[in-house]
Amino acid sequence: MLFALGGDLLARAIEANPGVLMVSGGVEYAAIQFRRRISASDITFWVELSLDLLDWSGTTVAHPVSDNGDGTEIVTIRAVDPMSGEGSQFFRVRVSLN
């Protein structure tokens, strides 16, 4: 997972941990942002969203990827529905080797 997320394998890699943020375009959405290693073409990522941590859906909205210039890129994925004052939204990032 650390390799897939672009972390330094020889150092403590806190910066490789995914972060959750709010994406606002006049409306607030739950979103997750993580670093991805560009050269790792043998790795597949899935981002899933849940309202209850039991049922997971891959129905999300991807934002343009941002190249960091260091062999990694930042991926931002947000929920389809805006945040409301009720309930929670949870993300998970699944990684597998092809």
Protein backbone atom coordinates (compact mmCIF):
# COMPACT_ATOMS: atom_id res chain seq x y z
CA MET A 1 0.00 0.00 0.00
CA LEU A 2 2.80 2.42 0.88
CA PHE A 3 4.47 1.82 -2.52
CA ALA A 4 1.16 2.29 -4.37
CA LEU A 5 0.51 5.58 -2.57
CA GLY A 6 3.92 6.96 -3.56
CA GLY A 7 5.46 6.79 -0.10
CA ASP A 8 9.20 6.66 0.55
CA LEU A 9 9.91 3.01 1.35
CA LEU A 10 13.03 3.91 3.34
CA ALA A 11 11.52 6.63 5.51
CA ARG A 12 8.50 7.13 7.67
CA ALA A 13 5.85 8.06 5.12
CA ILE A 14 3.06 9.91 6.85
CA GLU A 15 2.65 12.08 3.73
CA ALA A 16 1.48 9.01 1.78
CA ASN A 17 -1.63 8.57 3.92
CA PRO A 18 -4.89 9.48 2.15
CA GLY A 19 -6.58 12.64 3.35
CA VAL A 20 -10.23 13.58 3.48
CA LEU A 21 -11.23 17.08 2.47
CA MET A 22 -14.22 19.10 1.43
CA VAL A 23 -14.45 20.08 -2.23
CA SER A 24 -16.54 23.18 -2.71
CA GLY A 25 -17.97 24.59 -5.89
CA GLY A 26 -20.61 26.52 -4.07
CA VAL A 27 -21.68 23.16 -2.61
CA GLU A 28 -19.72 21.04 -0.16
CA TYR A 29 -18.94 17.41 -0.94
CA ALA A 30 -17.10 14.76 1.03
CA ALA A 31 -13.95 13.84 -0.86
CA ILE A 32 -10.75 11.86 -0.53
CA GLN A 33 -7.38 12.86 -1.86
CA PHE A 34 -4.37 10.57 -2.14
CA ARG A 35 -1.00 10.31 -3.85
CA ARG A 36 -0.57 7.66 -6.56
CA ARG A 37 2.69 6.40 -8.06
CA ILE A 38 2.52 7.11 -11.83
CA SER A 39 4.94 4.37 -12.96
CA ALA A 40 3.07 1.60 -11.12
CA SER A 41 0.99 0.44 -14.09
CA ASP A 42 0.55 -2.97 -12.46
CA ILE A 43 -1.50 -1.49 -9.59
CA THR A 44 -5.26 -0.89 -9.72
CA PHE A 45 -7.05 1.52 -7.38
CA TRP A 46 -10.72 1.49 -6.38
CA VAL A 47 -12.30 4.23 -4.32
CA GLU A 48 -15.56 3.30 -2.64
CA LEU A 49 -18.06 5.26 -0.57
CA SER A 50 -20.36 4.09 2.22
CA LEU A 51 -22.98 5.73 4.40
CA ASP A 52 -22.94 2.95 7.01
CA LEU A 53 -19.60 1.08 6.65
CA LEU A 54 -21.56 -2.02 5.56
CA ASP A 55 -22.63 -1.29 2.00
CA TRP A 56 -19.98 0.12 -0.36
CA SER A 57 -20.42 1.73 -3.77
CA GLY A 58 -17.93 2.74 -6.41
CA THR A 59 -20.24 5.51 -7.62
CA THR A 60 -18.08 8.61 -7.19
CA VAL A 61 -16.88 11.61 -9.20
CA ALA A 62 -13.21 11.86 -10.20
CA HIS A 63 -11.50 15.26 -10.45
CA PRO A 64 -8.56 15.99 -12.76
CA VAL A 65 -5.31 14.39 -11.59
CA SER A 66 -2.45 16.71 -10.59
CA ASP A 67 1.15 15.67 -11.43
CA ASN A 68 3.56 16.37 -8.55
CA GLY A 69 6.62 16.26 -10.82
CA ASP A 70 8.26 13.60 -8.61
CA GLY A 71 6.81 10.44 -10.18
CA THR A 72 3.56 10.71 -8.23
CA GLU A 73 0.23 12.39 -8.83
CA ILE A 74 -2.58 13.57 -6.58
CA VAL A 75 -5.95 11.92 -7.14
CA THR A 76 -9.13 13.54 -5.81
CA ILE A 77 -12.42 11.64 -5.72
CA ARG A 78 -15.64 13.09 -4.32
CA ALA A 79 -19.08 11.84 -3.42
CA VAL A 80 -21.85 12.25 -6.00
CA ASP A 81 -24.29 13.76 -3.50
CA PRO A 82 -23.55 16.93 -1.52
CA MET A 83 -22.93 16.78 2.21
CA SER A 84 -25.97 17.22 4.38
CA GLY A 85 -26.21 17.85 8.09
CA GLU A 86 -27.44 14.30 8.52
CA GLY A 87 -25.36 11.15 8.54
CA SER A 88 -21.79 10.42 7.58
CA GLN A 89 -19.94 9.45 4.43
CA PHE A 90 -16.94 7.11 4.53
CA PHE A 91 -14.32 6.43 1.86
CA ARG A 92 -11.94 3.54 1.39
CA VAL A 93 -9.13 3.10 -1.13
CA ARG A 94 -8.57 -0.47 -2.28
CA VAL A 95 -5.35 -1.39 -4.07
CA SER A 96 -4.48 -4.59 -5.91
CA LEU A 97 -1.64 -5.89 -8.05
CA ASN A 98 -2.63 -6.88 -11.57
